[in-house]
Amino acid sequence: MATTSRLFHTQQVHYLRLSIVYGDETETNVGNIPSGSLILKPMSGVHISTAFNATTTNVLDVGFSANPDDPNHLGVVLDLKTATFVALGAAVGGYLVTHDVTVTATVSHTGATATAGAGEVVICYIPDNDG
């Protein structure tokens, strides 16, 4: 996992990626995004390879860690019960990062404890590297 913002010198889409499993029930850092970056919400989300199976809810919140940012600003209660790709939020378009941010992901379950579930959180972004 990256501890500093990733910023390649060429014009390309960057990404962060984090594996999640059913036992992850704390806020986890996905990585850092530099100021001025544009987060591509339609290309970002969670790819669920194995459905999460807690009996009531299996959800993921994706957001930012530092106050005044919001830990579920990018995606709130993304459903993890089906093996599929779930995009972040309902907005079609990007989100401009106004300062360096740490993206976080939090898995939550209710009901009987989950015994299965795996996926990959992917955050795509374009840094402002042309000045």
C-alpha atoms as a PDB file:
ATOM      1  CA  MET A   1       0.000   0.000   0.000  1.00  0.00           C
ATOM      2  CA  ALA A   2       1.289   3.441  -0.921  1.00  0.00           C
ATOM      3  CA  THR A   3       2.050   5.870   1.878  1.00  0.00           C
ATOM      4  CA  THR A   4       2.597   8.892  -0.356  1.00  0.00           C
ATOM      5  CA  SER A   5       0.596  10.144  -3.312  1.00  0.00           C
ATOM      6  CA  ARG A   6       1.362   8.417  -6.585  1.00  0.00           C
ATOM      7  CA  LEU A   7       2.199  10.826  -9.378  1.00  0.00           C
ATOM      8  CA  PHE A   8       3.736   9.538 -12.605  1.00  0.00           C
ATOM      9  CA  HIS A   9       5.304  12.108 -14.944  1.00  0.00           C
ATOM     10  CA  THR A  10       3.325  11.017 -18.030  1.00  0.00           C
ATOM     11  CA  GLN A  11      -0.292  11.815 -18.962  1.00  0.00           C
ATOM     12  CA  GLN A  12      -2.164   8.704 -17.851  1.00  0.00           C
ATOM     13  CA  VAL A  13      -4.912   7.499 -15.565  1.00  0.00           C
ATOM     14  CA  HIS A  14      -3.540   6.491 -12.166  1.00  0.00           C
ATOM     15  CA  TYR A  15      -5.169   4.078  -9.752  1.00  0.00           C
ATOM     16  CA  LEU A  16      -5.140   2.763  -6.214  1.00  0.00           C
ATOM     17  CA  ARG A  17      -6.071  -0.851  -5.470  1.00  0.00           C
ATOM     18  CA  LEU A  18      -6.776  -2.634  -2.186  1.00  0.00           C
ATOM     19  CA  SER A  19      -7.829  -6.238  -1.520  1.00  0.00           C
ATOM     20  CA  ILE A  20     -10.674  -6.675   0.971  1.00  0.00           C
ATOM     21  CA  VAL A  21     -12.070  -9.814   2.617  1.00  0.00           C
ATOM     22  CA  TYR A  22     -15.036 -10.625   4.854  1.00  0.00           C
ATOM     23  CA  GLY A  23     -12.970 -10.247   8.055  1.00  0.00           C
ATOM     24  CA  ASP A  24     -12.022  -6.617   7.337  1.00  0.00           C
ATOM     25  CA  GLU A  25     -14.301  -4.549   9.544  1.00  0.00           C
ATOM     26  CA  THR A  26     -12.156  -1.509  10.274  1.00  0.00           C
ATOM     27  CA  GLU A  27     -11.329   1.570   8.223  1.00  0.00           C
ATOM     28  CA  THR A  28      -8.432   0.652   5.921  1.00  0.00           C
ATOM     29  CA  ASN A  29      -6.266   3.049   3.913  1.00  0.00           C
ATOM     30  CA  VAL A  30      -6.543   2.434   0.169  1.00  0.00           C
ATOM     31  CA  GLY A  31      -3.827   4.995  -0.607  1.00  0.00           C
ATOM     32  CA  ASN A  32      -3.144   8.677  -1.165  1.00  0.00           C
ATOM     33  CA  ILE A  33      -4.193  10.963  -4.010  1.00  0.00           C
ATOM     34  CA  PRO A  34      -2.409  14.260  -4.730  1.00  0.00           C
ATOM     35  CA  SER A  35      -4.043  17.681  -4.709  1.00  0.00           C
ATOM     36  CA  GLY A  36      -5.601  18.743  -8.002  1.00  0.00           C
ATOM     37  CA  SER A  37      -6.440  15.189  -9.070  1.00  0.00           C
ATOM     38  CA  LEU A  38      -9.737  14.291 -10.674  1.00  0.00           C
ATOM     39  CA  ILE A  39     -11.274  11.068  -9.292  1.00  0.00           C
ATOM     40  CA  LEU A  40     -13.075   9.129 -12.015  1.00  0.00           C
ATOM     41  CA  LYS A  41     -16.125   7.832 -10.139  1.00  0.00           C
ATOM     42  CA  PRO A  42     -17.580   5.681 -12.966  1.00  0.00           C
ATOM     43  CA  MET A  43     -14.275   3.761 -13.247  1.00  0.00           C
ATOM     44  CA  SER A  44     -13.827   3.456  -9.488  1.00  0.00           C
ATOM     45  CA  GLY A  45     -15.544   1.060  -7.135  1.00  0.00           C
ATOM     46  CA  VAL A  46     -15.254  -2.464  -5.807  1.00  0.00           C
ATOM     47  CA  HIS A  47     -14.896  -5.644  -7.852  1.00  0.00           C
ATOM     48  CA  ILE A  48     -16.436  -8.431  -5.781  1.00  0.00           C
ATOM     49  CA  SER A  49     -14.915 -11.781  -6.733  1.00  0.00           C
ATOM     50  CA  THR A  50     -16.562 -13.766  -3.911  1.00  0.00           C
ATOM     51  CA  ALA A  51     -19.909 -12.578  -2.550  1.00  0.00           C
ATOM     52  CA  PHE A  52     -19.941 -11.531   1.111  1.00  0.00           C
ATOM     53  CA  ASN A  53     -22.385 -13.680   3.091  1.00  0.00           C
ATOM     54  CA  ALA A  54     -23.298 -12.112   6.452  1.00  0.00           C
ATOM     55  CA  THR A  55     -27.029 -12.757   6.912  1.00  0.00           C
ATOM     56  CA  THR A  56     -28.375  -9.185   6.970  1.00  0.00           C
ATOM     57  CA  THR A  57     -26.054  -6.588   5.417  1.00  0.00           C
ATOM     58  CA  ASN A  58     -22.671  -6.668   3.686  1.00  0.00           C
ATOM     59  CA  VAL A  59     -21.629  -3.154   2.690  1.00  0.00           C
ATOM     60  CA  LEU A  60     -18.611  -0.990   1.919  1.00  0.00           C
ATOM     61  CA  ASP A  61     -18.091   2.726   2.540  1.00  0.00           C
ATOM     62  CA  VAL A  62     -15.358   4.544   0.585  1.00  0.00           C
ATOM     63  CA  GLY A  63     -14.211   8.057   1.368  1.00  0.00           C
ATOM     64  CA  PHE A  64     -11.472  10.161   2.909  1.00  0.00           C
ATOM     65  CA  SER A  65      -9.819   9.801   6.300  1.00  0.00           C
ATOM     66  CA  ALA A  66      -8.904  13.322   7.416  1.00  0.00           C
ATOM     67  CA  ASN A  67     -11.368  15.755   8.943  1.00  0.00           C
ATOM     68  CA  PRO A  68     -13.203  17.730   7.515  1.00  0.00           C
ATOM     69  CA  ASP A  69     -13.387  15.056   4.826  1.00  0.00           C
ATOM     70  CA  ASP A  70     -15.980  12.330   4.884  1.00  0.00           C
ATOM     71  CA  PRO A  71     -15.305   8.569   5.287  1.00  0.00           C
ATOM     72  CA  ASN A  72     -18.158   7.704   2.898  1.00  0.00           C
ATOM     73  CA  HIS A  73     -18.068  10.643   0.480  1.00  0.00           C
ATOM     74  CA  LEU A  74     -17.204   8.536  -2.578  1.00  0.00           C
ATOM     75  CA  GLY A  75     -19.427   5.555  -1.897  1.00  0.00           C
ATOM     76  CA  VAL A  76     -21.832   4.716   0.900  1.00  0.00           C
ATOM     77  CA  VAL A  77     -23.323   1.293   1.634  1.00  0.00           C
ATOM     78  CA  LEU A  78     -22.045  -0.301  -1.580  1.00  0.00           C
ATOM     79  CA  ASP A  79     -23.647  -3.767  -1.609  1.00  0.00           C
ATOM     80  CA  LEU A  80     -21.156  -6.658  -1.394  1.00  0.00           C
ATOM     81  CA  LYS A  81     -23.659  -9.554  -1.590  1.00  0.00           C
ATOM     82  CA  THR A  82     -23.191 -10.285  -5.324  1.00  0.00           C
ATOM     83  CA  ALA A  83     -20.047 -11.099  -7.292  1.00  0.00           C
ATOM     84  CA  THR A  84     -19.952  -8.093  -9.633  1.00  0.00           C
ATOM     85  CA  PHE A  85     -18.438  -4.613 -10.049  1.00  0.00           C
ATOM     86  CA  VAL A  86     -20.120  -1.889  -7.977  1.00  0.00           C
ATOM     87  CA  ALA A  87     -19.231   1.662  -9.028  1.00  0.00           C
ATOM     88  CA  LEU A  88     -18.766   4.484  -6.515  1.00  0.00           C
ATOM     89  CA  GLY A  89     -21.699   6.793  -5.838  1.00  0.00           C
ATOM     90  CA  ALA A  90     -24.465   7.825  -8.212  1.00  0.00           C
ATOM     91  CA  ALA A  91     -22.749  10.872  -9.717  1.00  0.00           C
ATOM     92  CA  VAL A  92     -21.633  10.540 -13.322  1.00  0.00           C
ATOM     93  CA  GLY A  93     -18.475  12.559 -13.547  1.00  0.00           C
ATOM     94  CA  GLY A  94     -15.463  13.284 -11.474  1.00  0.00           C
ATOM     95  CA  TYR A  95     -14.598  14.638  -8.111  1.00  0.00           C
ATOM     96  CA  LEU A  96     -11.800  17.211  -7.915  1.00  0.00           C
ATOM     97  CA  VAL A  97      -9.431  16.723  -4.992  1.00  0.00           C
ATOM     98  CA  THR A  98      -8.530  20.157  -3.561  1.00  0.00           C
ATOM     99  CA  HIS A  99      -5.751  18.889  -1.251  1.00  0.00           C
ATOM    100  CA  ASP A 100      -3.778  15.668  -0.736  1.00  0.00           C
ATOM    101  CA  VAL A 101      -6.168  13.031   0.594  1.00  0.00           C
ATOM    102  CA  THR A 102      -6.033   9.505   1.970  1.00  0.00           C
ATOM    103  CA  VAL A 103      -8.775   7.295   0.540  1.00  0.00           C
ATOM    104  CA  THR A 104     -10.250   4.786   2.995  1.00  0.00           C
ATOM    105  CA  ALA A 105     -12.512   1.752   2.716  1.00  0.00           C
ATOM    106  CA  THR A 106     -14.635   0.267   5.516  1.00  0.00           C
ATOM    107  CA  VAL A 107     -16.418  -3.098   5.280  1.00  0.00           C
ATOM    108  CA  SER A 108     -19.479  -3.518   7.542  1.00  0.00           C
ATOM    109  CA  HIS A 109     -21.621  -6.581   8.292  1.00  0.00           C
ATOM    110  CA  THR A 110     -24.766  -7.191  10.320  1.00  0.00           C
ATOM    111  CA  GLY A 111     -26.539 -10.390  11.192  1.00  0.00           C
ATOM    112  CA  ALA A 112     -24.703 -13.703  11.483  1.00  0.00           C
ATOM    113  CA  THR A 113     -20.966 -13.378  10.970  1.00  0.00           C
ATOM    114  CA  ALA A 114     -19.734 -13.575   7.376  1.00  0.00           C
ATOM    115  CA  THR A 115     -17.705 -16.652   6.448  1.00  0.00           C
ATOM    116  CA  ALA A 116     -16.941 -15.695   2.845  1.00  0.00           C
ATOM    117  CA  GLY A 117     -16.284 -12.590   0.785  1.00  0.00           C
ATOM    118  CA  ALA A 118     -13.423 -11.078  -1.206  1.00  0.00           C
ATOM    119  CA  GLY A 119     -12.916  -8.189  -3.566  1.00  0.00           C
ATOM    120  CA  GLU A 120     -10.737  -5.356  -4.816  1.00  0.00           C
ATOM    121  CA  VAL A 121     -11.353  -1.674  -4.178  1.00  0.00           C
ATOM    122  CA  VAL A 122     -10.166   0.360  -7.188  1.00  0.00           C
ATOM    123  CA  ILE A 123      -9.890   4.154  -7.257  1.00  0.00           C
ATOM    124  CA  CYS A 124      -9.011   5.711 -10.637  1.00  0.00           C
ATOM    125  CA  TYR A 125      -7.771   9.288 -10.836  1.00  0.00           C
ATOM    126  CA  ILE A 126      -6.022  11.735 -13.131  1.00  0.00           C
ATOM    127  CA  PRO A 127      -3.411  13.949 -11.444  1.00  0.00           C
ATOM    128  CA  ASP A 128      -2.921  17.567 -12.449  1.00  0.00           C
ATOM    129  CA  ASN A 129       0.563  17.076 -13.885  1.00  0.00           C
ATOM    130  CA  ASP A 130       0.406  19.593 -16.731  1.00  0.00           C
ATOM    131  CA  GLY A 131       0.373  22.642 -14.474  1.00  0.00           C
END
